[in-house]
Amino acid sequence: MKTIIKTKKAAPPVGPYNQAVKVNDTLYVSGQIPLNPADGELVKGDVQEQTRMVMKNLGAILEEAGMDFSHVVKCSIFISDMHDFPKINEVYASYFQDDPPARETVQVSALPKFVDVEISCIACE
């Protein structure tokens, strides 16, 4: 069974997709960028502030689905500059202190709204 997950506690999609889709016990969370759900504005500041907003958006979506970061089994991180990897990784790691999920990090030439970081995840109950 497929269930669409939506929450106002996370940034709304910027295109024709849902924040997340749950199929049976698996949640597929779309890539989140540093959009503040309160005002829809991009978070300004360094890449760590941006990454914190991305992780807050992911957390809100997980919560709406009845999950948390301990349920995450896979993340995909897309960044515009691999030199930012240590800073992004520091923030990311604070959300996965025990048994972090599988992951890849890829540098891309551009991201939606030309942000510096986007993260998606898969979680299981």
PDB file of N, CA and C in Angstrom:
ATOM      1  N   MET A   1       0.834  -1.179   0.000  1.00  0.00           N
ATOM      2  CA  MET A   1       0.000   0.000   0.000  1.00  0.00           C
ATOM      3  C   MET A   1       0.885   1.251   0.000  1.00  0.00           C
ATOM      4  N   LYS A   2       0.533   2.218  -0.806  1.00  0.00           N
ATOM      5  CA  LYS A   2       1.294   3.462  -0.955  1.00  0.00           C
ATOM      6  C   LYS A   2       0.580   4.599  -0.227  1.00  0.00           C
ATOM      7  N   THR A   3       1.340   5.312   0.615  1.00  0.00           N
ATOM      8  CA  THR A   3       0.799   6.451   1.359  1.00  0.00           C
ATOM      9  C   THR A   3       1.687   7.663   1.114  1.00  0.00           C
ATOM     10  N   ILE A   4       1.068   8.782   0.783  1.00  0.00           N
ATOM     11  CA  ILE A   4       1.797  10.032   0.588  1.00  0.00           C
ATOM     12  C   ILE A   4       1.963  10.710   1.945  1.00  0.00           C
ATOM     13  N   ILE A   5       3.185  11.114   2.248  1.00  0.00           N
ATOM     14  CA  ILE A   5       3.489  11.782   3.515  1.00  0.00           C
ATOM     15  C   ILE A   5       3.701  13.272   3.235  1.00  0.00           C
ATOM     16  N   LYS A   6       2.966  14.105   3.967  1.00  0.00           N
ATOM     17  CA  LYS A   6       3.076  15.565   3.839  1.00  0.00           C
ATOM     18  C   LYS A   6       3.057  16.179   5.233  1.00  0.00           C
ATOM     19  N   THR A   7       3.881  17.193   5.422  1.00  0.00           N
ATOM     20  CA  THR A   7       3.851  17.939   6.676  1.00  0.00           C
ATOM     21  C   THR A   7       4.201  19.397   6.403  1.00  0.00           C
ATOM     22  N   LYS A   8       3.565  20.279   7.140  1.00  0.00           N
ATOM     23  CA  LYS A   8       3.894  21.702   7.048  1.00  0.00           C
ATOM     24  C   LYS A   8       5.120  22.043   7.876  1.00  0.00           C
ATOM     25  N   LYS A   9       5.629  21.066   8.637  1.00  0.00           N
ATOM     26  CA  LYS A   9       6.819  21.277   9.457  1.00  0.00           C
ATOM     27  C   LYS A   9       8.106  21.153   8.642  1.00  0.00           C
ATOM     28  N   ALA A  10       7.972  20.764   7.373  1.00  0.00           N
ATOM     29  CA  ALA A  10       9.120  20.676   6.467  1.00  0.00           C
ATOM     30  C   ALA A  10       8.806  21.523   5.240  1.00  0.00           C
ATOM     31  N   ALA A  11       9.838  21.893   4.517  1.00  0.00           N
ATOM     32  CA  ALA A  11       9.667  22.728   3.328  1.00  0.00           C
ATOM     33  C   ALA A  11       8.795  22.013   2.300  1.00  0.00           C
ATOM     34  N   PRO A  12       7.926  22.757   1.628  1.00  0.00           N
ATOM     35  CA  PRO A  12       7.087  22.146   0.595  1.00  0.00           C
ATOM     36  C   PRO A  12       7.928  21.801  -0.639  1.00  0.00           C
ATOM     37  N   PRO A  13       7.471  20.844  -1.428  1.00  0.00           N
ATOM     38  CA  PRO A  13       8.191  20.509  -2.662  1.00  0.00           C
ATOM     39  C   PRO A  13       8.283  21.720  -3.591  1.00  0.00           C
ATOM     40  N   VAL A  14       9.376  21.775  -4.353  1.00  0.00           N
ATOM     41  CA  VAL A  14       9.559  22.866  -5.310  1.00  0.00           C
ATOM     42  C   VAL A  14       9.264  22.392  -6.730  1.00  0.00           C
ATOM     43  N   GLY A  15       8.604  21.251  -6.843  1.00  0.00           N
ATOM     44  CA  GLY A  15       8.260  20.697  -8.148  1.00  0.00           C
ATOM     45  C   GLY A  15       7.162  19.663  -7.992  1.00  0.00           C
ATOM     46  N   PRO A  16       6.902  18.903  -9.050  1.00  0.00           N
ATOM     47  CA  PRO A  16       5.829  17.908  -9.028  1.00  0.00           C
ATOM     48  C   PRO A  16       6.254  16.593  -8.361  1.00  0.00           C
ATOM     49  N   TYR A  17       6.417  16.637  -7.052  1.00  0.00           N
ATOM     50  CA  TYR A  17       6.765  15.443  -6.280  1.00  0.00           C
ATOM     51  C   TYR A  17       6.251  15.635  -4.862  1.00  0.00           C
ATOM     52  N   ASN A  18       6.246  14.572  -4.086  1.00  0.00           N
ATOM     53  CA  ASN A  18       5.822  14.614  -2.688  1.00  0.00           C
ATOM     54  C   ASN A  18       7.040  14.639  -1.776  1.00  0.00           C
ATOM     55  N   GLN A  19       6.822  15.099  -0.550  1.00  0.00           N
ATOM     56  CA  GLN A  19       7.907  15.093   0.429  1.00  0.00           C
ATOM     57  C   GLN A  19       8.395  13.672   0.668  1.00  0.00           C
ATOM     58  N   ALA A  20       7.456  12.736   0.749  1.00  0.00           N
ATOM     59  CA  ALA A  20       7.831  11.338   0.962  1.00  0.00           C
ATOM     60  C   ALA A  20       6.678  10.436   0.536  1.00  0.00           C
ATOM     61  N   VAL A  21       7.033   9.204   0.249  1.00  0.00           N
ATOM     62  CA  VAL A  21       6.058   8.169  -0.079  1.00  0.00           C
ATOM     63  C   VAL A  21       6.407   6.946   0.761  1.00  0.00           C
ATOM     64  N   LYS A  22       5.408   6.424   1.454  1.00  0.00           N
ATOM     65  CA  LYS A  22       5.604   5.222   2.254  1.00  0.00           C
ATOM     66  C   LYS A  22       4.943   4.050   1.532  1.00  0.00           C
ATOM     67  N   VAL A  23       5.703   2.990   1.344  1.00  0.00           N
ATOM     68  CA  VAL A  23       5.194   1.770   0.739  1.00  0.00           C
ATOM     69  C   VAL A  23       5.437   0.654   1.745  1.00  0.00           C
ATOM     70  N   ASN A  24       4.355   0.103   2.252  1.00  0.00           N
ATOM     71  CA  ASN A  24       4.434  -0.901   3.313  1.00  0.00           C
ATOM     72  C   ASN A  24       5.247  -0.344   4.478  1.00  0.00           C
ATOM     73  N   ASP A  25       6.392  -0.921   4.810  1.00  0.00           N
ATOM     74  CA  ASP A  25       7.187  -0.473   5.957  1.00  0.00           C
ATOM     75  C   ASP A  25       8.361   0.409   5.565  1.00  0.00           C
ATOM     76  N   THR A  26       8.414   0.838   4.293  1.00  0.00           N
ATOM     77  CA  THR A  26       9.556   1.606   3.803  1.00  0.00           C
ATOM     78  C   THR A  26       9.130   3.014   3.410  1.00  0.00           C
ATOM     79  N   LEU A  27       9.898   3.995   3.867  1.00  0.00           N
ATOM     80  CA  LEU A  27       9.644   5.400   3.579  1.00  0.00           C
ATOM     81  C   LEU A  27      10.728   5.925   2.655  1.00  0.00           C
ATOM     82  N   TYR A  28      10.313   6.521   1.545  1.00  0.00           N
ATOM     83  CA  TYR A  28      11.229   7.132   0.585  1.00  0.00           C
ATOM     84  C   TYR A  28      11.063   8.645   0.689  1.00  0.00           C
ATOM     85  N   VAL A  29      12.067   9.316   1.219  1.00  0.00           N
ATOM     86  CA  VAL A  29      11.997  10.762   1.442  1.00  0.00           C
ATOM     87  C   VAL A  29      12.728  11.472   0.308  1.00  0.00           C
ATOM     88  N   SER A  30      12.016  12.382  -0.352  1.00  0.00           N
ATOM     89  CA  SER A  30      12.601  13.160  -1.446  1.00  0.00           C
ATOM     90  C   SER A  30      13.733  14.036  -0.935  1.00  0.00           C
ATOM     91  N   GLY A  31      14.610  14.413  -1.846  1.00  0.00           N
ATOM     92  CA  GLY A  31      15.717  15.284  -1.499  1.00  0.00           C
ATOM     93  C   GLY A  31      15.232  16.575  -0.874  1.00  0.00           C
ATOM     94  N   GLN A  32      15.831  16.920   0.245  1.00  0.00           N
ATOM     95  CA  GLN A  32      15.485  18.145   0.961  1.00  0.00           C
ATOM     96  C   GLN A  32      16.612  19.155   0.794  1.00  0.00           C
ATOM     97  N   ILE A  33      16.208  20.396   0.550  1.00  0.00           N
ATOM     98  CA  ILE A  33      17.158  21.492   0.445  1.00  0.00           C
ATOM     99  C   ILE A  33      16.910  22.448   1.609  1.00  0.00           C
ATOM    100  N   PRO A  34      17.788  23.414   1.843  1.00  0.00           N
ATOM    101  CA  PRO A  34      17.652  24.275   3.022  1.00  0.00           C
ATOM    102  C   PRO A  34      16.582  25.365   2.886  1.00  0.00           C
ATOM    103  N   LEU A  35      15.353  24.928   2.700  1.00  0.00           N
ATOM    104  CA  LEU A  35      14.212  25.845   2.684  1.00  0.00           C
ATOM    105  C   LEU A  35      13.578  25.853   4.064  1.00  0.00           C
ATOM    106  N   ASN A  36      13.350  27.034   4.595  1.00  0.00           N
ATOM    107  CA  ASN A  36      12.701  27.170   5.891  1.00  0.00           C
ATOM    108  C   ASN A  36      11.200  26.988   5.691  1.00  0.00           C
ATOM    109  N   PRO A  37      10.575  25.995   6.345  1.00  0.00           N
ATOM    110  CA  PRO A  37       9.139  25.774   6.146  1.00  0.00           C
ATOM    111  C   PRO A  37       8.276  26.913   6.675  1.00  0.00           C
ATOM    112  N   ALA A  38       8.803  27.709   7.595  1.00  0.00           N
ATOM    113  CA  ALA A  38       8.020  28.807   8.175  1.00  0.00           C
ATOM    114  C   ALA A  38       7.728  29.905   7.164  1.00  0.00           C
ATOM    115  N   ASP A  39       8.705  30.183   6.289  1.00  0.00           N
ATOM    116  CA  ASP A  39       8.507  31.280   5.345  1.00  0.00           C
ATOM    117  C   ASP A  39       8.833  30.921   3.889  1.00  0.00           C
ATOM    118  N   GLY A  40       9.285  29.689   3.658  1.00  0.00           N
ATOM    119  CA  GLY A  40       9.599  29.253   2.302  1.00  0.00           C
ATOM    120  C   GLY A  40      10.866  29.847   1.729  1.00  0.00           C
ATOM    121  N   GLU A  41      11.633  30.541   2.576  1.00  0.00           N
ATOM    122  CA  GLU A  41      12.865  31.178   2.119  1.00  0.00           C
ATOM    123  C   GLU A  41      14.053  30.236   2.285  1.00  0.00           C
ATOM    124  N   LEU A  42      15.033  30.400   1.414  1.00  0.00           N
ATOM    125  CA  LEU A  42      16.265  29.653   1.547  1.00  0.00           C
ATOM    126  C   LEU A  42      17.029  30.122   2.776  1.00  0.00           C
ATOM    127  N   VAL A  43      17.630  29.190   3.489  1.00  0.00           N
ATOM    128  CA  VAL A  43      18.462  29.533   4.631  1.00  0.00           C
ATOM    129  C   VAL A  43      19.763  30.120   4.102  1.00  0.00           C
ATOM    130  N   LYS A  44      20.071  31.282   4.563  1.00  0.00           N
ATOM    131  CA  LYS A  44      21.325  31.945   4.193  1.00  0.00           C
ATOM    132  C   LYS A  44      22.378  31.564   5.214  1.00  0.00           C
ATOM    133  N   GLY A  45      23.605  31.780   4.876  1.00  0.00           N
ATOM    134  CA  GLY A  45      24.668  31.474   5.824  1.00  0.00           C
ATOM    135  C   GLY A  45      25.542  30.354   5.312  1.00  0.00           C
ATOM    136  N   ASP A  46      26.358  29.845   6.211  1.00  0.00           N
ATOM    137  CA  ASP A  46      27.324  28.837   5.793  1.00  0.00           C
ATOM    138  C   ASP A  46      26.655  27.487   5.544  1.00  0.00           C
ATOM    139  N   VAL A  47      27.433  26.580   4.986  1.00  0.00           N
ATOM    140  CA  VAL A  47      26.900  25.282   4.586  1.00  0.00           C
ATOM    141  C   VAL A  47      26.458  24.461   5.799  1.00  0.00           C
ATOM    142  N   GLN A  48      27.005  24.723   6.978  1.00  0.00           N
ATOM    143  CA  GLN A  48      26.557  24.007   8.163  1.00  0.00           C
ATOM    144  C   GLN A  48      25.145  24.439   8.563  1.00  0.00           C
ATOM    145  N   GLU A  49      24.847  25.724   8.484  1.00  0.00           N
ATOM    146  CA  GLU A  49      23.493  26.195   8.761  1.00  0.00           C
ATOM    147  C   GLU A  49      22.517  25.603   7.748  1.00  0.00           C
ATOM    148  N   GLN A  50      22.934  25.567   6.500  1.00  0.00           N
ATOM    149  CA  GLN A  50      22.092  24.991   5.461  1.00  0.00           C
ATOM    150  C   GLN A  50      21.840  23.507   5.719  1.00  0.00           C
ATOM    151  N   THR A  51      22.885  22.794   6.106  1.00  0.00           N
ATOM    152  CA  THR A  51      22.750  21.363   6.370  1.00  0.00           C
ATOM    153  C   THR A  51      21.834  21.111   7.560  1.00  0.00           C
ATOM    154  N   ARG A  52      21.919  21.944   8.591  1.00  0.00           N
ATOM    155  CA  ARG A  52      21.019  21.804   9.743  1.00  0.00           C
ATOM    156  C   ARG A  52      19.557  21.947   9.307  1.00  0.00           C
ATOM    157  N   MET A  53      19.276  22.892   8.411  1.00  0.00           N
ATOM    158  CA  MET A  53      17.903  23.067   7.941  1.00  0.00           C
ATOM    159  C   MET A  53      17.447  21.857   7.136  1.00  0.00           C
ATOM    160  N   VAL A  54      18.327  21.335   6.309  1.00  0.00           N
ATOM    161  CA  VAL A  54      18.012  20.127   5.538  1.00  0.00           C
ATOM    162  C   VAL A  54      17.674  18.979   6.488  1.00  0.00           C
ATOM    163  N   MET A  55      18.488  18.789   7.516  1.00  0.00           N
ATOM    164  CA  MET A  55      18.263  17.698   8.458  1.00  0.00           C
ATOM    165  C   MET A  55      16.980  17.917   9.267  1.00  0.00           C
ATOM    166  N   LYS A  56      16.665  19.159   9.606  1.00  0.00           N
ATOM    167  CA  LYS A  56      15.402  19.445  10.298  1.00  0.00           C
ATOM    168  C   LYS A  56      14.221  19.095   9.406  1.00  0.00           C
ATOM    169  N   ASN A  57      14.317  19.421   8.126  1.00  0.00           N
ATOM    170  CA  ASN A  57      13.245  19.063   7.189  1.00  0.00           C
ATOM    171  C   ASN A  57      13.092  17.544   7.093  1.00  0.00           C
ATOM    172  N   LEU A  58      14.216  16.839   6.975  1.00  0.00           N
ATOM    173  CA  LEU A  58      14.151  15.378   6.939  1.00  0.00           C
ATOM    174  C   LEU A  58      13.512  14.841   8.223  1.00  0.00           C
ATOM    175  N   GLY A  59      13.931  15.369   9.363  1.00  0.00           N
ATOM    176  CA  GLY A  59      13.387  14.923  10.642  1.00  0.00           C
ATOM    177  C   GLY A  59      11.893  15.136  10.753  1.00  0.00           C
ATOM    178  N   ALA A  60      11.404  16.264  10.263  1.00  0.00           N
ATOM    179  CA  ALA A  60       9.962  16.555  10.318  1.00  0.00           C
ATOM    180  C   ALA A  60       9.175  15.575   9.451  1.00  0.00           C
ATOM    181  N   ILE A  61       9.725  15.227   8.319  1.00  0.00           N
ATOM    182  CA  ILE A  61       9.050  14.268   7.431  1.00  0.00           C
ATOM    183  C   ILE A  61       9.057  12.879   8.058  1.00  0.00           C
ATOM    184  N   LEU A  62      10.193  12.484   8.610  1.00  0.00           N
ATOM    185  CA  LEU A  62      10.259  11.202   9.306  1.00  0.00           C
ATOM    186  C   LEU A  62       9.235  11.152  10.438  1.00  0.00           C
ATOM    187  N   GLU A  63       9.154  12.225  11.207  1.00  0.00           N
ATOM    188  CA  GLU A  63       8.208  12.297  12.325  1.00  0.00           C
ATOM    189  C   GLU A  63       6.769  12.160  11.833  1.00  0.00           C
ATOM    190  N   GLU A  64       6.441  12.817  10.750  1.00  0.00           N
ATOM    191  CA  GLU A  64       5.088  12.733  10.200  1.00  0.00           C
ATOM    192  C   GLU A  64       4.735  11.294   9.821  1.00  0.00           C
ATOM    193  N   ALA A  65       5.748  10.520   9.438  1.00  0.00           N
ATOM    194  CA  ALA A  65       5.540   9.119   9.063  1.00  0.00           C
ATOM    195  C   ALA A  65       5.640   8.176  10.267  1.00  0.00           C
ATOM    196  N   GLY A  66       5.816   8.746  11.471  1.00  0.00           N
ATOM    197  CA  GLY A  66       5.924   7.924  12.671  1.00  0.00           C
ATOM    198  C   GLY A  66       7.299   7.307  12.855  1.00  0.00           C
ATOM    199  N   MET A  67       8.309   7.945  12.289  1.00  0.00           N
ATOM    200  CA  MET A  67       9.678   7.439  12.371  1.00  0.00           C
ATOM    201  C   MET A  67      10.605   8.529  12.896  1.00  0.00           C
ATOM    202  N   ASP A  68      11.890   8.167  13.030  1.00  0.00           N
ATOM    203  CA  ASP A  68      12.922   9.138  13.381  1.00  0.00           C
ATOM    204  C   ASP A  68      14.211   8.713  12.681  1.00  0.00           C
ATOM    205  N   PHE A  69      15.295   9.398  12.980  1.00  0.00           N
ATOM    206  CA  PHE A  69      16.556   9.112  12.289  1.00  0.00           C
ATOM    207  C   PHE A  69      17.071   7.695  12.540  1.00  0.00           C
ATOM    208  N   SER A  70      16.647   7.058  13.622  1.00  0.00           N
ATOM    209  CA  SER A  70      17.092   5.681  13.874  1.00  0.00           C
ATOM    210  C   SER A  70      16.513   4.700  12.856  1.00  0.00           C
ATOM    211  N   HIS A  71      15.487   5.100  12.141  1.00  0.00           N
ATOM    212  CA  HIS A  71      14.868   4.253  11.119  1.00  0.00           C
ATOM    213  C   HIS A  71      15.540   4.390   9.752  1.00  0.00           C
ATOM    214  N   VAL A  72      16.401   5.363   9.590  1.00  0.00           N
ATOM    215  CA  VAL A  72      17.021   5.628   8.289  1.00  0.00           C
ATOM    216  C   VAL A  72      18.057   4.549   7.967  1.00  0.00           C
ATOM    217  N   VAL A  73      17.924   3.968   6.769  1.00  0.00           N
ATOM    218  CA  VAL A  73      18.853   2.920   6.344  1.00  0.00           C
ATOM    219  C   VAL A  73      19.765   3.376   5.209  1.00  0.00           C
ATOM    220  N   LYS A  74      19.411   4.479   4.544  1.00  0.00           N
ATOM    221  CA  LYS A  74      20.209   4.941   3.399  1.00  0.00           C
ATOM    222  C   LYS A  74      20.001   6.429   3.209  1.00  0.00           C
ATOM    223  N   CYS A  75      21.078   7.153   2.973  1.00  0.00           N
ATOM    224  CA  CYS A  75      21.018   8.578   2.633  1.00  0.00           C
ATOM    225  C   CYS A  75      21.813   8.819   1.361  1.00  0.00           C
ATOM    226  N   SER A  76      21.379   9.793   0.613  1.00  0.00           N
ATOM    227  CA  SER A  76      22.126  10.289  -0.541  1.00  0.00           C
ATOM    228  C   SER A  76      22.359  11.770  -0.311  1.00  0.00           C
ATOM    229  N   ILE A  77      23.616  12.180  -0.380  1.00  0.00           N
ATOM    230  CA  ILE A  77      23.969  13.582  -0.179  1.00  0.00           C
ATOM    231  C   ILE A  77      24.534  14.126  -1.487  1.00  0.00           C
ATOM    232  N   PHE A  78      23.988  15.251  -1.898  1.00  0.00           N
ATOM    233  CA  PHE A  78      24.448  15.930  -3.109  1.00  0.00           C
ATOM    234  C   PHE A  78      24.962  17.297  -2.683  1.00  0.00           C
ATOM    235  N   ILE A  79      26.189  17.609  -3.070  1.00  0.00           N
ATOM    236  CA  ILE A  79      26.786  18.879  -2.679  1.00  0.00           C
ATOM    237  C   ILE A  79      27.377  19.568  -3.912  1.00  0.00           C
ATOM    238  N   SER A  80      27.428  20.882  -3.837  1.00  0.00           N
ATOM    239  CA  SER A  80      27.940  21.654  -4.978  1.00  0.00           C
ATOM    240  C   SER A  80      29.458  21.812  -4.942  1.00  0.00           C
ATOM    241  N   ASP A  81      30.070  21.563  -3.775  1.00  0.00           N
ATOM    242  CA  ASP A  81      31.515  21.721  -3.650  1.00  0.00           C
ATOM    243  C   ASP A  81      32.045  20.696  -2.655  1.00  0.00           C
ATOM    244  N   MET A  82      32.844  19.765  -3.119  1.00  0.00           N
ATOM    245  CA  MET A  82      33.369  18.704  -2.260  1.00  0.00           C
ATOM    246  C   MET A  82      34.232  19.258  -1.127  1.00  0.00           C
ATOM    247  N   HIS A  83      34.718  20.474  -1.259  1.00  0.00           N
ATOM    248  CA  HIS A  83      35.471  21.097  -0.164  1.00  0.00           C
ATOM    249  C   HIS A  83      34.594  21.327   1.067  1.00  0.00           C
ATOM    250  N   ASP A  84      33.259  21.370   0.871  1.00  0.00           N
ATOM    251  CA  ASP A  84      32.328  21.546   1.986  1.00  0.00           C
ATOM    252  C   ASP A  84      32.028  20.240   2.709  1.00  0.00           C
ATOM    253  N   PHE A  85      32.507  19.123   2.173  1.00  0.00           N
ATOM    254  CA  PHE A  85      32.180  17.816   2.744  1.00  0.00           C
ATOM    255  C   PHE A  85      32.456  17.718   4.246  1.00  0.00           C
ATOM    256  N   PRO A  86      33.620  18.135   4.755  1.00  0.00           N
ATOM    257  CA  PRO A  86      33.860  18.003   6.204  1.00  0.00           C
ATOM    258  C   PRO A  86      32.835  18.770   7.051  1.00  0.00           C
ATOM    259  N   LYS A  87      32.442  19.947   6.619  1.00  0.00           N
ATOM    260  CA  LYS A  87      31.474  20.748   7.376  1.00  0.00           C
ATOM    261  C   LYS A  87      30.090  20.102   7.341  1.00  0.00           C
ATOM    262  N   ILE A  88      29.690  19.639   6.164  1.00  0.00           N
ATOM    263  CA  ILE A  88      28.396  18.958   6.024  1.00  0.00           C
ATOM    264  C   ILE A  88      28.402  17.682   6.853  1.00  0.00           C
ATOM    265  N   ASN A  89      29.474  16.931   6.764  1.00  0.00           N
ATOM    266  CA  ASN A  89      29.593  15.661   7.469  1.00  0.00           C
ATOM    267  C   ASN A  89      29.507  15.844   8.976  1.00  0.00           C
ATOM    268  N   GLU A  90      30.065  16.934   9.487  1.00  0.00           N
ATOM    269  CA  GLU A  90      30.017  17.199  10.933  1.00  0.00           C
ATOM    270  C   GLU A  90      28.576  17.342  11.410  1.00  0.00           C
ATOM    271  N   VAL A  91      27.780  18.116  10.689  1.00  0.00           N
ATOM    272  CA  VAL A  91      26.366  18.297  11.053  1.00  0.00           C
ATOM    273  C   VAL A  91      25.608  16.981  10.870  1.00  0.00           C
ATOM    274  N   TYR A  92      25.790  16.359   9.723  1.00  0.00           N
ATOM    275  CA  TYR A  92      25.113  15.094   9.405  1.00  0.00           C
ATOM    276  C   TYR A  92      25.391  14.053  10.494  1.00  0.00           C
ATOM    277  N   ALA A  93      26.643  13.919  10.888  1.00  0.00           N
ATOM    278  CA  ALA A  93      27.031  12.907  11.878  1.00  0.00           C
ATOM    279  C   ALA A  93      26.335  13.116  13.215  1.00  0.00           C
ATOM    280  N   SER A  94      25.999  14.353  13.560  1.00  0.00           N
ATOM    281  CA  SER A  94      25.338  14.612  14.840  1.00  0.00           C
ATOM    282  C   SER A  94      23.928  14.011  14.888  1.00  0.00           C
ATOM    283  N   TYR A  95      23.357  13.681  13.754  1.00  0.00           N
ATOM    284  CA  TYR A  95      22.032  13.069  13.693  1.00  0.00           C
ATOM    285  C   TYR A  95      22.106  11.544  13.691  1.00  0.00           C
ATOM    286  N   PHE A  96      23.286  10.992  13.479  1.00  0.00           N
ATOM    287  CA  PHE A  96      23.462   9.538  13.400  1.00  0.00           C
ATOM    288  C   PHE A  96      24.637   9.117  14.281  1.00  0.00           C
ATOM    289  N   GLN A  97      24.470   9.239  15.594  1.00  0.00           N
ATOM    290  CA  GLN A  97      25.561   8.946  16.524  1.00  0.00           C
ATOM    291  C   GLN A  97      25.828   7.452  16.629  1.00  0.00           C
ATOM    292  N   ASP A  98      24.791   6.628  16.558  1.00  0.00           N
ATOM    293  CA  ASP A  98      24.936   5.175  16.654  1.00  0.00           C
ATOM    294  C   ASP A  98      24.420   4.533  15.372  1.00  0.00           C
ATOM    295  N   ASP A  99      25.135   3.594  14.861  1.00  0.00           N
ATOM    296  CA  ASP A  99      24.725   2.825  13.684  1.00  0.00           C
ATOM    297  C   ASP A  99      24.249   3.707  12.534  1.00  0.00           C
ATOM    298  N   PRO A 100      25.126   4.528  11.972  1.00  0.00           N
ATOM    299  CA  PRO A 100      24.710   5.392  10.859  1.00  0.00           C
ATOM    300  C   PRO A 100      24.286   4.562   9.642  1.00  0.00           C
ATOM    301  N   PRO A 101      23.450   5.150   8.798  1.00  0.00           N
ATOM    302  CA  PRO A 101      22.963   4.424   7.618  1.00  0.00           C
ATOM    303  C   PRO A 101      24.020   4.338   6.519  1.00  0.00           C
ATOM    304  N   ALA A 102      23.714   3.526   5.520  1.00  0.00           N
ATOM    305  CA  ALA A 102      24.525   3.516   4.301  1.00  0.00           C
ATOM    306  C   ALA A 102      24.372   4.884   3.644  1.00  0.00           C
ATOM    307  N   ARG A 103      25.369   5.270   2.812  1.00  0.00           N
ATOM    308  CA  ARG A 103      25.320   6.621   2.262  1.00  0.00           C
ATOM    309  C   ARG A 103      26.286   6.763   1.101  1.00  0.00           C
ATOM    310  N   GLU A 104      25.960   7.695   0.220  1.00  0.00           N
ATOM    311  CA  GLU A 104      26.937   8.186  -0.739  1.00  0.00           C
ATOM    312  C   GLU A 104      26.866   9.702  -0.729  1.00  0.00           C
ATOM    313  N   THR A 105      27.996  10.312  -1.082  1.00  0.00           N
ATOM    314  CA  THR A 105      28.070  11.769  -1.203  1.00  0.00           C
ATOM    315  C   THR A 105      28.645  12.063  -2.581  1.00  0.00           C
ATOM    316  N   VAL A 106      27.931  12.893  -3.333  1.00  0.00           N
ATOM    317  CA  VAL A 106      28.314  13.174  -4.704  1.00  0.00           C
ATOM    318  C   VAL A 106      28.359  14.680  -4.923  1.00  0.00           C
ATOM    319  N   GLN A 107      29.420  15.151  -5.560  1.00  0.00           N
ATOM    320  CA  GLN A 107      29.472  16.559  -5.964  1.00  0.00           C
ATOM    321  C   GLN A 107      28.764  16.672  -7.311  1.00  0.00           C
ATOM    322  N   VAL A 108      27.881  17.666  -7.404  1.00  0.00           N
ATOM    323  CA  VAL A 108      27.137  17.905  -8.642  1.00  0.00           C
ATOM    324  C   VAL A 108      27.383  19.339  -9.101  1.00  0.00           C
ATOM    325  N   SER A 109      27.079  19.615 -10.355  1.00  0.00           N
ATOM    326  CA  SER A 109      27.349  20.959 -10.887  1.00  0.00           C
ATOM    327  C   SER A 109      26.328  21.987 -10.408  1.00  0.00           C
ATOM    328  N   ALA A 110      25.109  21.552 -10.110  1.00  0.00           N
ATOM    329  CA  ALA A 110      24.089  22.485  -9.614  1.00  0.00           C
ATOM    330  C   ALA A 110      22.975  21.694  -8.947  1.00  0.00           C
ATOM    331  N   LEU A 111      22.316  22.349  -7.994  1.00  0.00           N
ATOM    332  CA  LEU A 111      21.188  21.769  -7.266  1.00  0.00           C
ATOM    333  C   LEU A 111      19.990  22.706  -7.399  1.00  0.00           C
ATOM    334  N   PRO A 112      18.768  22.226  -7.080  1.00  0.00           N
ATOM    335  CA  PRO A 112      17.602  23.100  -7.160  1.00  0.00           C
ATOM    336  C   PRO A 112      17.819  24.402  -6.388  1.00  0.00           C
ATOM    337  N   LYS A 113      17.390  25.481  -6.986  1.00  0.00           N
ATOM    338  CA  LYS A 113      17.531  26.817  -6.402  1.00  0.00           C
ATOM    339  C   LYS A 113      18.998  27.174  -6.133  1.00  0.00           C
ATOM    340  N   PHE A 114      19.910  26.422  -6.736  1.00  0.00           N
ATOM    341  CA  PHE A 114      21.353  26.643  -6.622  1.00  0.00           C
ATOM    342  C   PHE A 114      21.851  26.622  -5.178  1.00  0.00           C
ATOM    343  N   VAL A 115      21.256  25.719  -4.373  1.00  0.00           N
ATOM    344  CA  VAL A 115      21.700  25.543  -2.992  1.00  0.00           C
ATOM    345  C   VAL A 115      23.020  24.769  -2.971  1.00  0.00           C
ATOM    346  N   ASP A 116      23.614  24.670  -1.804  1.00  0.00           N
ATOM    347  CA  ASP A 116      24.899  23.985  -1.655  1.00  0.00           C
ATOM    348  C   ASP A 116      24.776  22.521  -1.248  1.00  0.00           C
ATOM    349  N   VAL A 117      23.607  22.119  -0.718  1.00  0.00           N
ATOM    350  CA  VAL A 117      23.444  20.763  -0.226  1.00  0.00           C
ATOM    351  C   VAL A 117      21.999  20.296  -0.375  1.00  0.00           C
ATOM    352  N   GLU A 118      21.837  19.026  -0.719  1.00  0.00           N
ATOM    353  CA  GLU A 118      20.533  18.359  -0.777  1.00  0.00           C
ATOM    354  C   GLU A 118      20.735  16.954  -0.262  1.00  0.00           C
ATOM    355  N   ILE A 119      19.800  16.487   0.579  1.00  0.00           N
ATOM    356  CA  ILE A 119      19.895  15.138   1.144  1.00  0.00           C
ATOM    357  C   ILE A 119      18.546  14.454   1.031  1.00  0.00           C
ATOM    358  N   SER A 120      18.578  13.198   0.584  1.00  0.00           N
ATOM    359  CA  SER A 120      17.382  12.343   0.580  1.00  0.00           C
ATOM    360  C   SER A 120      17.672  11.131   1.454  1.00  0.00           C
ATOM    361  N   CYS A 121      16.613  10.387   1.805  1.00  0.00           N
ATOM    362  CA  CYS A 121      16.849   9.193   2.611  1.00  0.00           C
ATOM    363  C   CYS A 121      15.759   8.154   2.395  1.00  0.00           C
ATOM    364  N   ILE A 122      16.091   6.949   2.814  1.00  0.00           N
ATOM    365  CA  ILE A 122      15.159   5.831   2.846  1.00  0.00           C
ATOM    366  C   ILE A 122      15.140   5.337   4.287  1.00  0.00           C
ATOM    367  N   ALA A 123      13.947   5.123   4.826  1.00  0.00           N
ATOM    368  CA  ALA A 123      13.814   4.656   6.200  1.00  0.00           C
ATOM    369  C   ALA A 123      12.878   3.442   6.232  1.00  0.00           C
ATOM    370  N   CYS A 124      13.104   2.565   7.193  1.00  0.00           N
ATOM    371  CA  CYS A 124      12.268   1.372   7.351  1.00  0.00           C
ATOM    372  C   CYS A 124      11.826   1.235   8.799  1.00  0.00           C
ATOM    373  N   GLU A 125      10.623   0.731   8.973  1.00  0.00           N
ATOM    374  CA  GLU A 125      10.112   0.507  10.315  1.00  0.00           C
ATOM    375  C   GLU A 125      10.763  -0.715  10.924  1.00  0.00           C
TER     376      GLU A 125
END
